Amino acid sequence: MTTAKADLIRHIRKHAKYPSSKRALVSACAGMSDVAEVEKEWFEENLPNRVYYAADQVVNVLRLRLLHV
């Protein structure tokens, strides 16, 4: 798993508030300078449109759960 993905996961776990919609999560990631633009685009394209109640739900649905940050 790349460092960029690790930065994205850290952001999802530490900076996002839950429950949160896809739109709110994408918006929160858009302003983060520690997340690469390509990762922000990947996140928006691959995150299903629904409400998430915990960071682990986001990590699992994106199949990023193998990385422990």
N, C-alpha and C. Protein backbone atom coordinates (compact mmCIF):
# COMPACT_ATOMS: atom_id res chain seq x y z
N MET A 1 0.86 -1.18 0.00
CA MET A 1 0.00 0.00 0.00
C MET A 1 0.90 1.23 0.00
N THR A 2 0.56 2.19 -0.81
CA THR A 2 1.40 3.37 -0.94
C THR A 2 1.27 4.30 0.26
N THR A 3 2.25 5.16 0.41
CA THR A 3 2.20 6.16 1.47
C THR A 3 1.03 7.10 1.25
N ALA A 4 0.71 7.39 0.00
CA ALA A 4 -0.42 8.26 -0.30
C ALA A 4 -1.72 7.66 0.21
N LYS A 5 -1.89 6.36 0.05
CA LYS A 5 -3.09 5.69 0.57
C LYS A 5 -3.08 5.74 2.09
N ALA A 6 -1.93 5.60 2.69
CA ALA A 6 -1.81 5.67 4.15
C ALA A 6 -2.23 7.05 4.63
N ASP A 7 -1.84 8.11 3.92
CA ASP A 7 -2.24 9.47 4.28
C ASP A 7 -3.76 9.62 4.19
N LEU A 8 -4.34 9.03 3.16
CA LEU A 8 -5.79 9.08 2.98
C LEU A 8 -6.50 8.37 4.13
N ILE A 9 -6.02 7.20 4.50
CA ILE A 9 -6.62 6.45 5.60
C ILE A 9 -6.49 7.22 6.91
N ARG A 10 -5.34 7.79 7.16
CA ARG A 10 -5.14 8.60 8.37
C ARG A 10 -6.15 9.73 8.44
N HIS A 11 -6.35 10.37 7.31
CA HIS A 11 -7.32 11.46 7.25
C HIS A 11 -8.74 10.96 7.54
N ILE A 12 -9.11 9.85 6.93
CA ILE A 12 -10.43 9.26 7.13
C ILE A 12 -10.66 8.93 8.60
N ARG A 13 -9.64 8.42 9.24
CA ARG A 13 -9.77 7.99 10.64
C ARG A 13 -9.68 9.14 11.63
N LYS A 14 -8.87 10.14 11.35
CA LYS A 14 -8.61 11.17 12.36
C LYS A 14 -9.34 12.49 12.14
N HIS A 15 -9.66 12.82 10.91
CA HIS A 15 -10.19 14.15 10.64
C HIS A 15 -11.64 14.19 10.20
N ALA A 16 -12.18 13.09 9.74
CA ALA A 16 -13.58 13.08 9.30
C ALA A 16 -14.50 12.85 10.50
N LYS A 17 -15.67 13.45 10.43
CA LYS A 17 -16.67 13.28 11.49
C LYS A 17 -17.74 12.32 10.98
N TYR A 18 -18.23 11.49 11.88
CA TYR A 18 -19.24 10.49 11.52
C TYR A 18 -20.46 10.64 12.40
N PRO A 19 -21.65 10.34 11.86
CA PRO A 19 -21.94 9.86 10.51
C PRO A 19 -21.63 10.94 9.47
N SER A 20 -21.32 10.46 8.26
CA SER A 20 -20.94 11.36 7.18
C SER A 20 -21.35 10.78 5.83
N SER A 21 -21.81 11.64 4.95
CA SER A 21 -22.17 11.22 3.60
C SER A 21 -20.92 11.20 2.72
N LYS A 22 -21.04 10.59 1.56
CA LYS A 22 -19.94 10.61 0.60
C LYS A 22 -19.57 12.05 0.28
N ARG A 23 -20.56 12.86 0.03
CA ARG A 23 -20.31 14.26 -0.33
C ARG A 23 -19.50 14.97 0.75
N ALA A 24 -19.86 14.76 2.02
CA ALA A 24 -19.15 15.39 3.13
C ALA A 24 -17.71 14.87 3.24
N LEU A 25 -17.52 13.58 3.03
CA LEU A 25 -16.18 13.00 3.11
C LEU A 25 -15.29 13.51 1.98
N VAL A 26 -15.84 13.56 0.78
CA VAL A 26 -15.07 14.05 -0.38
C VAL A 26 -14.72 15.52 -0.16
N SER A 27 -15.67 16.28 0.35
CA SER A 27 -15.43 17.69 0.63
C SER A 27 -14.34 17.88 1.68
N ALA A 28 -14.37 17.06 2.72
CA ALA A 28 -13.36 17.14 3.78
C ALA A 28 -11.98 16.80 3.25
N CYS A 29 -11.89 15.83 2.36
CA CYS A 29 -10.60 15.44 1.79
C CYS A 29 -10.08 16.47 0.80
N ALA A 30 -10.96 17.20 0.16
CA ALA A 30 -10.56 18.15 -0.87
C ALA A 30 -9.62 19.22 -0.34
N GLY A 31 -9.80 19.61 0.92
CA GLY A 31 -8.99 20.66 1.47
C GLY A 31 -7.72 20.20 2.17
N MET A 32 -7.47 18.92 2.20
CA MET A 32 -6.32 18.40 2.93
C MET A 32 -5.07 18.41 2.06
N SER A 33 -4.07 19.15 2.49
CA SER A 33 -2.83 19.25 1.71
C SER A 33 -1.97 18.00 1.82
N ASP A 34 -2.22 17.16 2.85
CA ASP A 34 -1.42 15.95 3.02
C ASP A 34 -1.90 14.78 2.17
N VAL A 35 -3.01 14.97 1.44
CA VAL A 35 -3.55 13.93 0.56
C VAL A 35 -3.32 14.37 -0.89
N ALA A 36 -2.61 13.54 -1.65
CA ALA A 36 -2.29 13.85 -3.04
C ALA A 36 -3.56 13.98 -3.88
N GLU A 37 -3.50 14.84 -4.89
CA GLU A 37 -4.66 15.07 -5.77
C GLU A 37 -5.14 13.78 -6.42
N VAL A 38 -4.21 12.95 -6.86
CA VAL A 38 -4.59 11.68 -7.49
C VAL A 38 -5.34 10.78 -6.51
N GLU A 39 -4.97 10.82 -5.24
CA GLU A 39 -5.67 10.02 -4.22
C GLU A 39 -7.04 10.58 -3.94
N LYS A 40 -7.19 11.90 -3.95
CA LYS A 40 -8.50 12.53 -3.76
C LYS A 40 -9.45 12.11 -4.88
N GLU A 41 -8.93 12.12 -6.11
CA GLU A 41 -9.74 11.71 -7.27
C GLU A 41 -10.13 10.24 -7.16
N TRP A 42 -9.17 9.40 -6.79
CA TRP A 42 -9.45 7.97 -6.63
C TRP A 42 -10.53 7.76 -5.57
N PHE A 43 -10.40 8.46 -4.45
CA PHE A 43 -11.36 8.37 -3.35
C PHE A 43 -12.76 8.72 -3.84
N GLU A 44 -12.90 9.85 -4.54
CA GLU A 44 -14.21 10.29 -5.02
C GLU A 44 -14.81 9.30 -6.02
N GLU A 45 -13.98 8.75 -6.89
CA GLU A 45 -14.47 7.82 -7.91
C GLU A 45 -14.86 6.46 -7.33
N ASN A 46 -14.23 6.04 -6.26
CA ASN A 46 -14.43 4.68 -5.74
C ASN A 46 -15.31 4.57 -4.50
N LEU A 47 -15.61 5.67 -3.85
CA LEU A 47 -16.44 5.63 -2.65
C LEU A 47 -17.91 5.62 -3.04
N PRO A 48 -18.65 4.56 -2.67
CA PRO A 48 -20.07 4.51 -2.98
C PRO A 48 -20.84 5.64 -2.28
N ASN A 49 -21.90 6.08 -2.92
CA ASN A 49 -22.72 7.17 -2.41
C ASN A 49 -23.68 6.65 -1.34
N ARG A 50 -23.33 6.87 -0.08
CA ARG A 50 -24.17 6.46 1.05
C ARG A 50 -23.68 7.17 2.30
N VAL A 51 -24.31 6.90 3.42
CA VAL A 51 -23.89 7.47 4.70
C VAL A 51 -23.01 6.46 5.41
N TYR A 52 -21.92 6.95 5.97
CA TYR A 52 -20.97 6.11 6.70
C TYR A 52 -21.02 6.51 8.18
N TYR A 53 -21.03 5.51 9.05
CA TYR A 53 -21.16 5.75 10.48
C TYR A 53 -19.85 5.61 11.24
N ALA A 54 -18.81 5.16 10.55
CA ALA A 54 -17.50 5.00 11.19
C ALA A 54 -16.42 4.94 10.11
N ALA A 55 -15.22 5.32 10.49
CA ALA A 55 -14.09 5.30 9.56
C ALA A 55 -13.84 3.90 9.00
N ASP A 56 -14.01 2.89 9.83
CA ASP A 56 -13.77 1.53 9.37
C ASP A 56 -14.70 1.14 8.22
N GLN A 57 -15.91 1.68 8.19
CA GLN A 57 -16.81 1.40 7.07
C GLN A 57 -16.22 1.93 5.77
N VAL A 58 -15.66 3.12 5.81
CA VAL A 58 -15.06 3.73 4.62
C VAL A 58 -13.84 2.91 4.19
N VAL A 59 -12.99 2.59 5.13
CA VAL A 59 -11.78 1.81 4.83
C VAL A 59 -12.16 0.45 4.24
N ASN A 60 -13.14 -0.21 4.81
CA ASN A 60 -13.55 -1.53 4.32
C ASN A 60 -14.16 -1.46 2.93
N VAL A 61 -15.03 -0.51 2.68
CA VAL A 61 -15.69 -0.43 1.39
C VAL A 61 -14.68 -0.10 0.28
N LEU A 62 -13.61 0.59 0.64
CA LEU A 62 -12.56 0.90 -0.34
C LEU A 62 -11.48 -0.18 -0.39
N ARG A 63 -11.66 -1.21 0.41
CA ARG A 63 -10.72 -2.34 0.47
C ARG A 63 -9.31 -1.90 0.86
N LEU A 64 -9.26 -1.00 1.83
CA LEU A 64 -7.99 -0.50 2.32
C LEU A 64 -7.66 -1.07 3.70
N ARG A 65 -8.45 -2.01 4.16
CA ARG A 65 -8.35 -2.49 5.54
C ARG A 65 -7.06 -3.23 5.86
N LEU A 66 -6.27 -3.57 4.87
CA LEU A 66 -5.04 -4.30 5.14
C LEU A 66 -3.94 -3.42 5.71
N LEU A 67 -4.11 -2.12 5.58
CA LEU A 67 -3.11 -1.20 6.08
C LEU A 67 -3.48 -0.75 7.49
N HIS A 68 -2.58 -0.92 8.40
CA HIS A 68 -2.83 -0.51 9.79
C HIS A 68 -2.08 0.79 10.06
N VAL A 69 -2.84 1.86 10.20
CA VAL A 69 -2.24 3.16 10.48
C VAL A 69 -2.75 3.68 11.78
